[in-house]
Amino acid sequence: MALPSLIDDMETDAISTQLYAKALGCILGGVIGDVLGTPSEGKDYRAIEDKFGWIDDFEGTGTDDTIMKNLLARALIKTQGYAGRDDWAQEWLDDWMAIFGDKRDKFFTSVIHTAQKLRLHSIPRMAALGNMPSSSSAMAIAPVGIVNACRPRQAAQQAYDVASLIHIHDVGFCQDAAAAIAAGIAEAFKPNATVESMLVAATAFLDPLSGSEMRERIEQALELANQCVDFKQFRNAVYEQRDVFFKPLICDSRETVPLTLALFALSKGDFEKAVTYGANFGRDSDTNACMVGGLTGALAGVDGIKSQWTAKILAYGGGEEKIAEDLTRTAVKKASSYEQEQGLFERLLGPS
């Protein structure tokens, strides 16, 4: 079926597609990971074991990870998939209370500071100056992967732009982190996608020179994961080598994204394993579980998530189904525009 006619059909039949199933799996997976990892955030894994034993269920709604992701999803939907830092910034300003409402204490300092600068004196391309490293862009970037479904290179490129609202210059490695997650999620939508192909995509489109630190840290974490027989052995090994894998700020994306991708590898694509590994690892557990939940949910689709967990999230009325449906339609429209551009280029290659 040609894309133009597919777009028409999508207006009435979006939710019956595999694209929608993966988009919804990605969105719900991120929220579930966010909530599941909230009780253990900032804790050493031994403290988690002492207090909770093994975290394998949840109650409640998402934190800043989910709120930031929803703001980005709206910006992408409004711009037919082409949102950049200015569009995301406008959503922050238009829905000010999403950040400064009853969950304000869940937001990292850099986001609060950036939002205030946007409101009082900064244009978006200047607002990130002076920010600390964090995972604030990587944890929210999943919708960029969805609207660039099957196009990991484009997802990475757009992620660099979007992430520059919060991270630039000396913390530009946080842009690399966002690009890695976005590319991995975009790869998940390919019919033949695997955990391995997603891990390759996560580093394949990082800036070749500027992104070298992030690429090396990801490769280091994946190498350790491959050497370990299971999650607990990996977790123990990482804590024993804390000087290698941890950063002073637990939310530093040089720590979170490499560990998230390693947990994704250890899960072998099993959604429940992935998010519980994130929750029980400790450190920035809600963000790690959120990101690995988005990756695994995109690969497995909504049917790969326990129905009880899906029902719990949907019962809170956060609009995840509508977000996934709108992102699905946006992805198809954006793909159609690429197809049209390709057709124009092919005409230029014809006889003069």
C-alpha atoms as a PDB file:
ATOM      1  CA  MET A   1       0.000   0.000   0.000  1.00  0.00           C
ATOM      2  CA  ALA A   2       1.346   3.441  -0.928  1.00  0.00           C
ATOM      3  CA  LEU A   3       1.986   5.841   1.939  1.00  0.00           C
ATOM      4  CA  PRO A   4      -0.599   8.475   0.896  1.00  0.00           C
ATOM      5  CA  SER A   5      -3.418   5.913   0.997  1.00  0.00           C
ATOM      6  CA  LEU A   6      -1.971   4.453   4.193  1.00  0.00           C
ATOM      7  CA  ILE A   7      -2.229   7.887   5.807  1.00  0.00           C
ATOM      8  CA  ASP A   8      -5.913   8.071   4.871  1.00  0.00           C
ATOM      9  CA  ASP A   9      -6.528   4.631   6.357  1.00  0.00           C
ATOM     10  CA  MET A  10      -4.662   5.615   9.516  1.00  0.00           C
ATOM     11  CA  GLU A  11      -7.200   8.318  10.225  1.00  0.00           C
ATOM     12  CA  THR A  12      -9.684   5.620  11.167  1.00  0.00           C
ATOM     13  CA  ASP A  13      -7.558   2.523  11.761  1.00  0.00           C
ATOM     14  CA  ALA A  14      -4.350   3.601  13.501  1.00  0.00           C
ATOM     15  CA  ILE A  15      -4.746   1.403  16.556  1.00  0.00           C
ATOM     16  CA  SER A  16      -4.873  -1.821  14.525  1.00  0.00           C
ATOM     17  CA  THR A  17      -1.318  -1.405  13.218  1.00  0.00           C
ATOM     18  CA  GLN A  18       1.942  -2.899  14.429  1.00  0.00           C
ATOM     19  CA  LEU A  19       3.371   0.610  14.406  1.00  0.00           C
ATOM     20  CA  TYR A  20       0.810   1.640  17.016  1.00  0.00           C
ATOM     21  CA  ALA A  21       1.406  -1.493  19.104  1.00  0.00           C
ATOM     22  CA  LYS A  22       5.111  -0.672  19.270  1.00  0.00           C
ATOM     23  CA  ALA A  23       4.500   3.033  19.916  1.00  0.00           C
ATOM     24  CA  LEU A  24       2.133   2.224  22.772  1.00  0.00           C
ATOM     25  CA  GLY A  25       4.564  -0.356  24.127  1.00  0.00           C
ATOM     26  CA  CYS A  26       7.298   2.284  24.109  1.00  0.00           C
ATOM     27  CA  ILE A  27       5.182   4.928  25.847  1.00  0.00           C
ATOM     28  CA  LEU A  28       3.710   2.575  28.447  1.00  0.00           C
ATOM     29  CA  GLY A  29       7.055   0.872  28.961  1.00  0.00           C
ATOM     30  CA  GLY A  30       8.687   4.163  29.851  1.00  0.00           C
ATOM     31  CA  VAL A  31       5.987   5.076  32.366  1.00  0.00           C
ATOM     32  CA  ILE A  32       6.064   1.636  33.988  1.00  0.00           C
ATOM     33  CA  GLY A  33       9.830   1.775  34.348  1.00  0.00           C
ATOM     34  CA  ASP A  34       9.633   5.293  35.768  1.00  0.00           C
ATOM     35  CA  VAL A  35       7.116   4.288  38.431  1.00  0.00           C
ATOM     36  CA  LEU A  36       8.743   0.946  39.205  1.00  0.00           C
ATOM     37  CA  GLY A  37      12.112   2.588  39.796  1.00  0.00           C
ATOM     38  CA  THR A  38      10.893   5.509  41.899  1.00  0.00           C
ATOM     39  CA  PRO A  39      11.060   3.821  45.362  1.00  0.00           C
ATOM     40  CA  SER A  40      14.693   2.791  44.840  1.00  0.00           C
ATOM     41  CA  GLU A  41      15.978   6.033  43.304  1.00  0.00           C
ATOM     42  CA  GLY A  42      19.281   7.150  44.804  1.00  0.00           C
ATOM     43  CA  LYS A  43      19.775   3.945  46.790  1.00  0.00           C
ATOM     44  CA  ASP A  44      22.605   1.438  46.852  1.00  0.00           C
ATOM     45  CA  TYR A  45      21.384  -1.983  45.700  1.00  0.00           C
ATOM     46  CA  ARG A  46      22.123  -3.470  49.144  1.00  0.00           C
ATOM     47  CA  ALA A  47      19.815  -0.919  50.748  1.00  0.00           C
ATOM     48  CA  ILE A  48      17.174  -1.851  48.173  1.00  0.00           C
ATOM     49  CA  GLU A  49      17.486  -5.522  49.078  1.00  0.00           C
ATOM     50  CA  ASP A  50      17.258  -4.737  52.793  1.00  0.00           C
ATOM     51  CA  LYS A  51      14.137  -2.585  52.387  1.00  0.00           C
ATOM     52  CA  PHE A  52      12.259  -4.166  49.478  1.00  0.00           C
ATOM     53  CA  GLY A  53      13.826  -7.545  48.768  1.00  0.00           C
ATOM     54  CA  TRP A  54      13.148  -7.531  45.011  1.00  0.00           C
ATOM     55  CA  ILE A  55      11.014  -4.790  43.449  1.00  0.00           C
ATOM     56  CA  ASP A  56       8.623  -6.377  40.962  1.00  0.00           C
ATOM     57  CA  ASP A  57       5.446  -4.298  41.120  1.00  0.00           C
ATOM     58  CA  PHE A  58       4.404  -0.670  41.450  1.00  0.00           C
ATOM     59  CA  GLU A  59       1.759   1.854  42.388  1.00  0.00           C
ATOM     60  CA  GLY A  60       1.448   5.479  41.358  1.00  0.00           C
ATOM     61  CA  THR A  61       2.169   7.645  38.335  1.00  0.00           C
ATOM     62  CA  GLY A  62       5.285   8.852  36.574  1.00  0.00           C
ATOM     63  CA  THR A  63       7.821  11.451  37.658  1.00  0.00           C
ATOM     64  CA  ASP A  64       9.647  14.133  35.665  1.00  0.00           C
ATOM     65  CA  ASP A  65      10.802  11.456  33.209  1.00  0.00           C
ATOM     66  CA  THR A  66       7.218  10.935  32.059  1.00  0.00           C
ATOM     67  CA  ILE A  67       6.188  14.607  32.201  1.00  0.00           C
ATOM     68  CA  MET A  68       9.141  15.742  30.071  1.00  0.00           C
ATOM     69  CA  LYS A  69       8.448  12.966  27.571  1.00  0.00           C
ATOM     70  CA  ASN A  70       4.801  13.985  27.257  1.00  0.00           C
ATOM     71  CA  LEU A  71       5.768  17.613  26.619  1.00  0.00           C
ATOM     72  CA  LEU A  72       8.098  16.486  23.853  1.00  0.00           C
ATOM     73  CA  ALA A  73       5.436  14.208  22.359  1.00  0.00           C
ATOM     74  CA  ARG A  74       3.061  17.166  22.124  1.00  0.00           C
ATOM     75  CA  ALA A  75       5.682  19.293  20.381  1.00  0.00           C
ATOM     76  CA  LEU A  76       6.324  16.537  17.848  1.00  0.00           C
ATOM     77  CA  ILE A  77       2.639  16.019  17.152  1.00  0.00           C
ATOM     78  CA  LYS A  78       2.080  19.748  16.604  1.00  0.00           C
ATOM     79  CA  THR A  79       4.994  19.996  14.158  1.00  0.00           C
ATOM     80  CA  GLN A  80       4.193  16.777  12.238  1.00  0.00           C
ATOM     81  CA  GLY A  81       7.296  15.156  13.670  1.00  0.00           C
ATOM     82  CA  TYR A  82       9.855  17.896  13.044  1.00  0.00           C
ATOM     83  CA  ALA A  83      10.099  19.507  16.497  1.00  0.00           C
ATOM     84  CA  GLY A  84      13.425  20.907  17.645  1.00  0.00           C
ATOM     85  CA  ARG A  85      14.602  22.644  20.804  1.00  0.00           C
ATOM     86  CA  ASP A  86      12.440  25.741  20.197  1.00  0.00           C
ATOM     87  CA  ASP A  87       9.273  23.662  19.847  1.00  0.00           C
ATOM     88  CA  TRP A  88      10.006  21.701  23.021  1.00  0.00           C
ATOM     89  CA  ALA A  89      10.787  24.955  24.827  1.00  0.00           C
ATOM     90  CA  GLN A  90       7.439  26.393  23.741  1.00  0.00           C
ATOM     91  CA  GLU A  91       5.647  23.409  25.279  1.00  0.00           C
ATOM     92  CA  TRP A  92       7.450  24.078  28.571  1.00  0.00           C
ATOM     93  CA  LEU A  93       6.219  27.670  28.510  1.00  0.00           C
ATOM     94  CA  ASP A  94       2.696  26.809  27.374  1.00  0.00           C
ATOM     95  CA  ASP A  95       2.234  24.162  30.078  1.00  0.00           C
ATOM     96  CA  TRP A  96       4.221  25.798  32.852  1.00  0.00           C
ATOM     97  CA  MET A  97       2.443  23.938  35.640  1.00  0.00           C
ATOM     98  CA  ALA A  98       3.461  20.574  34.236  1.00  0.00           C
ATOM     99  CA  ILE A  99       6.912  21.419  35.575  1.00  0.00           C
ATOM    100  CA  PHE A 100       6.068  23.817  38.401  1.00  0.00           C
ATOM    101  CA  GLY A 101       2.977  22.033  39.695  1.00  0.00           C
ATOM    102  CA  ASP A 102       2.611  19.343  42.332  1.00  0.00           C
ATOM    103  CA  LYS A 103       5.590  17.328  41.018  1.00  0.00           C
ATOM    104  CA  ARG A 104       8.058  20.203  40.970  1.00  0.00           C
ATOM    105  CA  ASP A 105      10.278  18.452  43.515  1.00  0.00           C
ATOM    106  CA  LYS A 106      10.714  15.548  41.089  1.00  0.00           C
ATOM    107  CA  PHE A 107      12.521  17.720  38.529  1.00  0.00           C
ATOM    108  CA  PHE A 108      16.286  17.983  38.344  1.00  0.00           C
ATOM    109  CA  THR A 109      17.852  21.376  39.006  1.00  0.00           C
ATOM    110  CA  SER A 110      18.946  21.854  35.399  1.00  0.00           C
ATOM    111  CA  VAL A 111      15.384  21.586  34.109  1.00  0.00           C
ATOM    112  CA  ILE A 112      14.025  24.018  36.684  1.00  0.00           C
ATOM    113  CA  HIS A 113      16.857  26.437  35.948  1.00  0.00           C
ATOM    114  CA  THR A 114      16.423  26.118  32.176  1.00  0.00           C
ATOM    115  CA  ALA A 115      12.683  26.707  32.407  1.00  0.00           C
ATOM    116  CA  GLN A 116      13.166  29.856  34.463  1.00  0.00           C
ATOM    117  CA  LYS A 117      15.746  31.169  32.017  1.00  0.00           C
ATOM    118  CA  LEU A 118      13.359  30.540  29.122  1.00  0.00           C
ATOM    119  CA  ARG A 119      10.622  32.459  30.875  1.00  0.00           C
ATOM    120  CA  LEU A 120      12.700  35.385  32.085  1.00  0.00           C
ATOM    121  CA  HIS A 121      15.510  36.139  29.654  1.00  0.00           C
ATOM    122  CA  SER A 122      16.884  33.375  27.425  1.00  0.00           C
ATOM    123  CA  ILE A 123      16.120  32.190  23.928  1.00  0.00           C
ATOM    124  CA  PRO A 124      16.133  28.375  23.664  1.00  0.00           C
ATOM    125  CA  ARG A 125      19.572  28.068  22.071  1.00  0.00           C
ATOM    126  CA  MET A 126      21.110  29.919  25.029  1.00  0.00           C
ATOM    127  CA  ALA A 127      19.114  28.427  27.888  1.00  0.00           C
ATOM    128  CA  ALA A 128      21.361  25.384  28.380  1.00  0.00           C
ATOM    129  CA  LEU A 129      24.507  27.388  29.112  1.00  0.00           C
ATOM    130  CA  GLY A 130      25.968  26.448  32.479  1.00  0.00           C
ATOM    131  CA  ASN A 131      23.793  23.390  33.072  1.00  0.00           C
ATOM    132  CA  MET A 132      25.087  20.372  34.956  1.00  0.00           C
ATOM    133  CA  PRO A 133      25.173  16.954  33.303  1.00  0.00           C
ATOM    134  CA  SER A 134      21.996  14.931  33.616  1.00  0.00           C
ATOM    135  CA  SER A 135      19.753  12.450  31.828  1.00  0.00           C
ATOM    136  CA  SER A 136      16.932  14.963  31.438  1.00  0.00           C
ATOM    137  CA  SER A 137      16.996  14.843  27.639  1.00  0.00           C
ATOM    138  CA  ALA A 138      17.793  11.137  27.205  1.00  0.00           C
ATOM    139  CA  MET A 139      14.996  10.053  29.542  1.00  0.00           C
ATOM    140  CA  ALA A 140      12.427  12.067  27.548  1.00  0.00           C
ATOM    141  CA  ILE A 141      13.638  11.429  23.997  1.00  0.00           C
ATOM    142  CA  ALA A 142      11.639   8.283  23.156  1.00  0.00           C
ATOM    143  CA  PRO A 143       8.960  10.122  21.089  1.00  0.00           C
ATOM    144  CA  VAL A 144      11.713  11.250  18.693  1.00  0.00           C
ATOM    145  CA  GLY A 145      12.479   7.584  18.069  1.00  0.00           C
ATOM    146  CA  ILE A 146       8.799   6.861  17.439  1.00  0.00           C
ATOM    147  CA  VAL A 147       8.218   9.602  14.848  1.00  0.00           C
ATOM    148  CA  ASN A 148      11.409   8.493  13.076  1.00  0.00           C
ATOM    149  CA  ALA A 149      10.380   4.827  13.168  1.00  0.00           C
ATOM    150  CA  CYS A 150      12.782   2.649  11.150  1.00  0.00           C
ATOM    151  CA  ARG A 151      15.100   5.642  10.587  1.00  0.00           C
ATOM    152  CA  PRO A 152      17.655   5.578  13.419  1.00  0.00           C
ATOM    153  CA  ARG A 153      20.037   8.022  11.726  1.00  0.00           C
ATOM    154  CA  GLN A 154      17.312  10.680  11.461  1.00  0.00           C
ATOM    155  CA  ALA A 155      16.238   9.967  15.040  1.00  0.00           C
ATOM    156  CA  ALA A 156      19.781  10.566  16.298  1.00  0.00           C
ATOM    157  CA  GLN A 157      20.138  13.778  14.308  1.00  0.00           C
ATOM    158  CA  GLN A 158      16.853  15.172  15.608  1.00  0.00           C
ATOM    159  CA  ALA A 159      17.724  14.120  19.149  1.00  0.00           C
ATOM    160  CA  TYR A 160      20.906  16.200  19.024  1.00  0.00           C
ATOM    161  CA  ASP A 161      18.782  19.271  18.217  1.00  0.00           C
ATOM    162  CA  VAL A 162      16.062  18.594  20.808  1.00  0.00           C
ATOM    163  CA  ALA A 163      18.565  17.807  23.567  1.00  0.00           C
ATOM    164  CA  SER A 164      20.399  21.091  22.989  1.00  0.00           C
ATOM    165  CA  LEU A 165      17.613  22.816  24.918  1.00  0.00           C
ATOM    166  CA  ILE A 166      19.115  21.379  28.131  1.00  0.00           C
ATOM    167  CA  HIS A 167      22.641  20.256  27.231  1.00  0.00           C
ATOM    168  CA  ILE A 168      25.330  21.893  25.111  1.00  0.00           C
ATOM    169  CA  HIS A 169      29.092  22.500  24.993  1.00  0.00           C
ATOM    170  CA  ASP A 170      30.866  20.979  28.012  1.00  0.00           C
ATOM    171  CA  VAL A 171      27.877  18.714  28.759  1.00  0.00           C
ATOM    172  CA  GLY A 172      27.302  17.913  25.088  1.00  0.00           C
ATOM    173  CA  PHE A 173      27.815  14.226  25.891  1.00  0.00           C
ATOM    174  CA  CYS A 174      24.250  14.367  27.205  1.00  0.00           C
ATOM    175  CA  GLN A 175      23.164  15.093  23.622  1.00  0.00           C
ATOM    176  CA  ASP A 176      25.046  11.948  22.595  1.00  0.00           C
ATOM    177  CA  ALA A 177      23.096  10.058  25.249  1.00  0.00           C
ATOM    178  CA  ALA A 178      19.756  11.285  23.903  1.00  0.00           C
ATOM    179  CA  ALA A 179      20.819  10.421  20.348  1.00  0.00           C
ATOM    180  CA  ALA A 180      21.739   6.878  21.427  1.00  0.00           C
ATOM    181  CA  ILE A 181      18.343   6.220  23.028  1.00  0.00           C
ATOM    182  CA  ALA A 182      16.390   7.797  20.157  1.00  0.00           C
ATOM    183  CA  ALA A 183      18.275   5.787  17.526  1.00  0.00           C
ATOM    184  CA  GLY A 184      17.794   2.542  19.444  1.00  0.00           C
ATOM    185  CA  ILE A 185      14.051   3.117  19.670  1.00  0.00           C
ATOM    186  CA  ALA A 186      13.757   4.036  15.978  1.00  0.00           C
ATOM    187  CA  GLU A 187      15.561   0.791  15.112  1.00  0.00           C
ATOM    188  CA  ALA A 188      13.055  -1.184  17.232  1.00  0.00           C
ATOM    189  CA  PHE A 189      10.292  -0.474  14.723  1.00  0.00           C
ATOM    190  CA  LYS A 190      11.971  -2.395  11.913  1.00  0.00           C
ATOM    191  CA  PRO A 191      10.223  -5.745  11.326  1.00  0.00           C
ATOM    192  CA  ASN A 192      13.516  -7.621  11.767  1.00  0.00           C
ATOM    193  CA  ALA A 193      14.770  -5.590  14.733  1.00  0.00           C
ATOM    194  CA  THR A 194      16.595  -7.391  17.541  1.00  0.00           C
ATOM    195  CA  VAL A 195      18.231  -6.410  20.794  1.00  0.00           C
ATOM    196  CA  GLU A 196      21.552  -6.624  18.984  1.00  0.00           C
ATOM    197  CA  SER A 197      20.492  -4.406  16.068  1.00  0.00           C
ATOM    198  CA  MET A 198      19.143  -1.803  18.490  1.00  0.00           C
ATOM    199  CA  LEU A 199      22.412  -1.769  20.433  1.00  0.00           C
ATOM    200  CA  VAL A 200      24.350  -1.285  17.194  1.00  0.00           C
ATOM    201  CA  ALA A 201      22.042   1.579  16.168  1.00  0.00           C
ATOM    202  CA  ALA A 202      22.485   3.247  19.563  1.00  0.00           C
ATOM    203  CA  THR A 203      26.139   4.015  18.843  1.00  0.00           C
ATOM    204  CA  ALA A 204      26.237   3.964  15.036  1.00  0.00           C
ATOM    205  CA  PHE A 205      25.040   7.536  14.561  1.00  0.00           C
ATOM    206  CA  LEU A 206      26.785   9.359  17.376  1.00  0.00           C
ATOM    207  CA  ASP A 207      29.090  12.175  16.330  1.00  0.00           C
ATOM    208  CA  PRO A 208      32.286  10.380  15.266  1.00  0.00           C
ATOM    209  CA  LEU A 209      34.680  12.607  17.232  1.00  0.00           C
ATOM    210  CA  SER A 210      32.593  14.553  19.721  1.00  0.00           C
ATOM    211  CA  GLY A 211      30.622  11.459  20.716  1.00  0.00           C
ATOM    212  CA  SER A 212      33.643   9.262  21.363  1.00  0.00           C
ATOM    213  CA  GLU A 213      33.382   9.370  25.155  1.00  0.00           C
ATOM    214  CA  MET A 214      29.750   8.232  25.178  1.00  0.00           C
ATOM    215  CA  ARG A 215      30.444   5.518  22.617  1.00  0.00           C
ATOM    216  CA  GLU A 216      33.405   4.201  24.618  1.00  0.00           C
ATOM    217  CA  ARG A 217      31.438   4.157  27.876  1.00  0.00           C
ATOM    218  CA  ILE A 218      28.566   2.291  26.215  1.00  0.00           C
ATOM    219  CA  GLU A 219      30.958  -0.265  24.726  1.00  0.00           C
ATOM    220  CA  GLN A 220      32.624  -0.707  28.126  1.00  0.00           C
ATOM    221  CA  ALA A 221      29.293  -1.375  29.869  1.00  0.00           C
ATOM    222  CA  LEU A 222      28.159  -3.787  27.154  1.00  0.00           C
ATOM    223  CA  GLU A 223      31.449  -5.667  27.323  1.00  0.00           C
ATOM    224  CA  LEU A 224      31.000  -6.190  31.062  1.00  0.00           C
ATOM    225  CA  ALA A 225      27.378  -7.296  30.543  1.00  0.00           C
ATOM    226  CA  ASN A 226      28.557  -9.873  28.001  1.00  0.00           C
ATOM    227  CA  GLN A 227      31.068 -11.227  30.518  1.00  0.00           C
ATOM    228  CA  CYS A 228      28.454 -11.717  33.251  1.00  0.00           C
ATOM    229  CA  VAL A 229      26.101 -14.673  33.495  1.00  0.00           C
ATOM    230  CA  ASP A 230      23.182 -12.749  34.935  1.00  0.00           C
ATOM    231  CA  PHE A 231      21.920  -9.405  36.230  1.00  0.00           C
ATOM    232  CA  LYS A 232      23.116  -9.779  39.810  1.00  0.00           C
ATOM    233  CA  GLN A 233      26.642 -10.665  38.761  1.00  0.00           C
ATOM    234  CA  PHE A 234      26.654  -7.626  36.488  1.00  0.00           C
ATOM    235  CA  ARG A 235      25.289  -5.367  39.225  1.00  0.00           C
ATOM    236  CA  ASN A 236      27.908  -6.555  41.699  1.00  0.00           C
ATOM    237  CA  ALA A 237      30.686  -6.090  39.150  1.00  0.00           C
ATOM    238  CA  VAL A 238      29.608  -2.535  38.326  1.00  0.00           C
ATOM    239  CA  TYR A 239      29.476  -1.563  42.009  1.00  0.00           C
ATOM    240  CA  GLU A 240      32.903  -3.111  42.551  1.00  0.00           C
ATOM    241  CA  GLN A 241      34.224  -0.969  39.669  1.00  0.00           C
ATOM    242  CA  ARG A 242      32.405   2.180  40.734  1.00  0.00           C
ATOM    243  CA  ASP A 243      35.371   4.347  39.768  1.00  0.00           C
ATOM    244  CA  VAL A 244      34.895   3.181  36.187  1.00  0.00           C
ATOM    245  CA  PHE A 245      31.102   3.165  35.803  1.00  0.00           C
ATOM    246  CA  PHE A 246      29.738   5.708  38.292  1.00  0.00           C
ATOM    247  CA  LYS A 247      29.834   9.510  38.228  1.00  0.00           C
ATOM    248  CA  PRO A 248      29.524  11.965  41.158  1.00  0.00           C
ATOM    249  CA  LEU A 249      26.024  12.873  39.954  1.00  0.00           C
ATOM    250  CA  ILE A 250      23.959   9.678  39.691  1.00  0.00           C
ATOM    251  CA  CYS A 251      21.896  11.283  36.904  1.00  0.00           C
ATOM    252  CA  ASP A 252      24.953  11.970  34.712  1.00  0.00           C
ATOM    253  CA  SER A 253      24.117  10.411  31.345  1.00  0.00           C
ATOM    254  CA  ARG A 254      27.648   9.038  31.072  1.00  0.00           C
ATOM    255  CA  GLU A 255      26.533   6.678  33.827  1.00  0.00           C
ATOM    256  CA  THR A 256      22.842   6.136  33.113  1.00  0.00           C
ATOM    257  CA  VAL A 257      22.767   5.504  29.366  1.00  0.00           C
ATOM    258  CA  PRO A 258      25.642   2.989  29.223  1.00  0.00           C
ATOM    259  CA  LEU A 259      24.122   1.107  32.168  1.00  0.00           C
ATOM    260  CA  THR A 260      20.645   1.258  30.619  1.00  0.00           C
ATOM    261  CA  LEU A 261      21.886  -0.276  27.374  1.00  0.00           C
ATOM    262  CA  ALA A 262      23.739  -2.954  29.320  1.00  0.00           C
ATOM    263  CA  LEU A 263      20.556  -3.799  31.248  1.00  0.00           C
ATOM    264  CA  PHE A 264      18.698  -3.941  27.933  1.00  0.00           C
ATOM    265  CA  ALA A 265      21.283  -6.427  26.651  1.00  0.00           C
ATOM    266  CA  LEU A 266      20.992  -8.549  29.813  1.00  0.00           C
ATOM    267  CA  SER A 267      17.192  -8.618  29.509  1.00  0.00           C
ATOM    268  CA  LYS A 268      17.412 -10.128  25.995  1.00  0.00           C
ATOM    269  CA  GLY A 269      14.282  -8.154  25.115  1.00  0.00           C
ATOM    270  CA  ASP A 270      12.128  -9.431  27.976  1.00  0.00           C
ATOM    271  CA  PHE A 271      10.169  -6.422  29.201  1.00  0.00           C
ATOM    272  CA  GLU A 272       9.584  -7.519  32.801  1.00  0.00           C
ATOM    273  CA  LYS A 273      13.240  -8.422  33.262  1.00  0.00           C
ATOM    274  CA  ALA A 274      14.381  -5.118  31.765  1.00  0.00           C
ATOM    275  CA  VAL A 275      12.351  -2.811  33.999  1.00  0.00           C
ATOM    276  CA  THR A 276      12.878  -4.820  37.181  1.00  0.00           C
ATOM    277  CA  TYR A 277      16.620  -4.845  36.492  1.00  0.00           C
ATOM    278  CA  GLY A 278      16.470  -1.059  36.214  1.00  0.00           C
ATOM    279  CA  ALA A 279      14.486  -0.711  39.436  1.00  0.00           C
ATOM    280  CA  ASN A 280      16.686  -3.073  41.438  1.00  0.00           C
ATOM    281  CA  PHE A 281      20.019  -1.745  40.193  1.00  0.00           C
ATOM    282  CA  GLY A 282      19.781   1.401  42.320  1.00  0.00           C
ATOM    283  CA  ARG A 283      21.417   4.785  41.658  1.00  0.00           C
ATOM    284  CA  ASP A 284      19.206   6.703  39.169  1.00  0.00           C
ATOM    285  CA  SER A 285      16.831   3.767  39.058  1.00  0.00           C
ATOM    286  CA  ASP A 286      13.681   5.510  37.847  1.00  0.00           C
ATOM    287  CA  THR A 287      15.496   6.986  34.842  1.00  0.00           C
ATOM    288  CA  ASN A 288      17.341   3.761  34.018  1.00  0.00           C
ATOM    289  CA  ALA A 289      14.119   1.759  34.252  1.00  0.00           C
ATOM    290  CA  CYS A 290      12.241   4.387  32.249  1.00  0.00           C
ATOM    291  CA  MET A 291      14.753   4.325  29.393  1.00  0.00           C
ATOM    292  CA  VAL A 292      15.111   0.541  29.299  1.00  0.00           C
ATOM    293  CA  GLY A 293      11.328   0.253  29.510  1.00  0.00           C
ATOM    294  CA  GLY A 294      10.956   2.453  26.447  1.00  0.00           C
ATOM    295  CA  LEU A 295      13.537   0.452  24.494  1.00  0.00           C
ATOM    296  CA  THR A 296      12.094  -2.924  25.416  1.00  0.00           C
ATOM    297  CA  GLY A 297       8.486  -1.779  25.052  1.00  0.00           C
ATOM    298  CA  ALA A 298       9.200  -0.542  21.526  1.00  0.00           C
ATOM    299  CA  LEU A 299      10.773  -3.885  20.582  1.00  0.00           C
ATOM    300  CA  ALA A 300       8.169  -6.114  22.239  1.00  0.00           C
ATOM    301  CA  GLY A 301       5.099  -3.971  21.593  1.00  0.00           C
ATOM    302  CA  VAL A 302       2.269  -3.528  24.050  1.00  0.00           C
ATOM    303  CA  ASP A 303       1.504  -7.264  23.999  1.00  0.00           C
ATOM    304  CA  GLY A 304       4.932  -7.887  25.493  1.00  0.00           C
ATOM    305  CA  ILE A 305       3.923  -6.035  28.676  1.00  0.00           C
ATOM    306  CA  LYS A 306       1.950  -7.699  31.473  1.00  0.00           C
ATOM    307  CA  SER A 307      -1.711  -6.801  31.060  1.00  0.00           C
ATOM    308  CA  GLN A 308      -1.992  -6.050  34.793  1.00  0.00           C
ATOM    309  CA  TRP A 309       0.741  -3.434  34.488  1.00  0.00           C
ATOM    310  CA  THR A 310      -0.797  -1.882  31.401  1.00  0.00           C
ATOM    311  CA  ALA A 311      -4.177  -1.678  33.136  1.00  0.00           C
ATOM    312  CA  LYS A 312      -2.632  -0.005  36.191  1.00  0.00           C
ATOM    313  CA  ILE A 313      -1.056   2.773  34.140  1.00  0.00           C
ATOM    314  CA  LEU A 314      -4.085   3.352  31.930  1.00  0.00           C
ATOM    315  CA  ALA A 315      -6.348   3.537  34.993  1.00  0.00           C
ATOM    316  CA  TYR A 316      -4.639   6.779  36.026  1.00  0.00           C
ATOM    317  CA  GLY A 317      -5.877   8.473  32.858  1.00  0.00           C
ATOM    318  CA  GLY A 318      -2.519   9.836  31.684  1.00  0.00           C
ATOM    319  CA  GLY A 319      -3.557   9.687  28.033  1.00  0.00           C
ATOM    320  CA  GLU A 320      -0.900   7.192  26.939  1.00  0.00           C
ATOM    321  CA  GLU A 321      -3.129   5.571  24.310  1.00  0.00           C
ATOM    322  CA  LYS A 322      -3.956   8.916  22.700  1.00  0.00           C
ATOM    323  CA  ILE A 323      -0.298   9.983  22.762  1.00  0.00           C
ATOM    324  CA  ALA A 324       0.748   6.733  21.084  1.00  0.00           C
ATOM    325  CA  GLU A 325      -2.024   7.038  18.491  1.00  0.00           C
ATOM    326  CA  ASP A 326      -1.081  10.619  17.616  1.00  0.00           C
ATOM    327  CA  LEU A 327       2.621   9.753  17.443  1.00  0.00           C
ATOM    328  CA  THR A 328       1.783   6.818  15.167  1.00  0.00           C
ATOM    329  CA  ARG A 329      -0.072   9.067  12.729  1.00  0.00           C
ATOM    330  CA  THR A 330       2.740  11.601  12.946  1.00  0.00           C
ATOM    331  CA  ALA A 331       5.322   8.927  12.119  1.00  0.00           C
ATOM    332  CA  VAL A 332       3.414   7.878   8.999  1.00  0.00           C
ATOM    333  CA  LYS A 333       2.994  11.464   7.803  1.00  0.00           C
ATOM    334  CA  LYS A 334       6.677  12.134   8.336  1.00  0.00           C
ATOM    335  CA  ALA A 335       7.623   8.973   6.446  1.00  0.00           C
ATOM    336  CA  SER A 336       5.359  10.096   3.600  1.00  0.00           C
ATOM    337  CA  SER A 337       7.158  13.429   3.377  1.00  0.00           C
ATOM    338  CA  TYR A 338      10.481  11.591   3.068  1.00  0.00           C
ATOM    339  CA  GLU A 339       9.024   9.454   0.281  1.00  0.00           C
ATOM    340  CA  GLN A 340       7.820  12.530  -1.575  1.00  0.00           C
ATOM    341  CA  GLU A 341      11.232  14.178  -1.248  1.00  0.00           C
ATOM    342  CA  GLN A 342      12.877  11.044  -2.593  1.00  0.00           C
ATOM    343  CA  GLY A 343      10.538  11.122  -5.599  1.00  0.00           C
ATOM    344  CA  LEU A 344      11.539  14.699  -6.343  1.00  0.00           C
ATOM    345  CA  PHE A 345      15.208  13.815  -6.134  1.00  0.00           C
ATOM    346  CA  GLU A 346      14.750  10.877  -8.476  1.00  0.00           C
ATOM    347  CA  ARG A 347      13.233  13.272 -11.021  1.00  0.00           C
ATOM    348  CA  LEU A 348      16.373  15.418 -10.798  1.00  0.00           C
ATOM    349  CA  LEU A 349      18.461  12.370 -11.667  1.00  0.00           C
ATOM    350  CA  GLY A 350      16.493  11.856 -14.883  1.00  0.00           C
ATOM    351  CA  PRO A 351      17.491  13.197 -18.284  1.00  0.00           C
ATOM    352  CA  SER A 352      17.922  16.981 -18.483  1.00  0.00           C
END
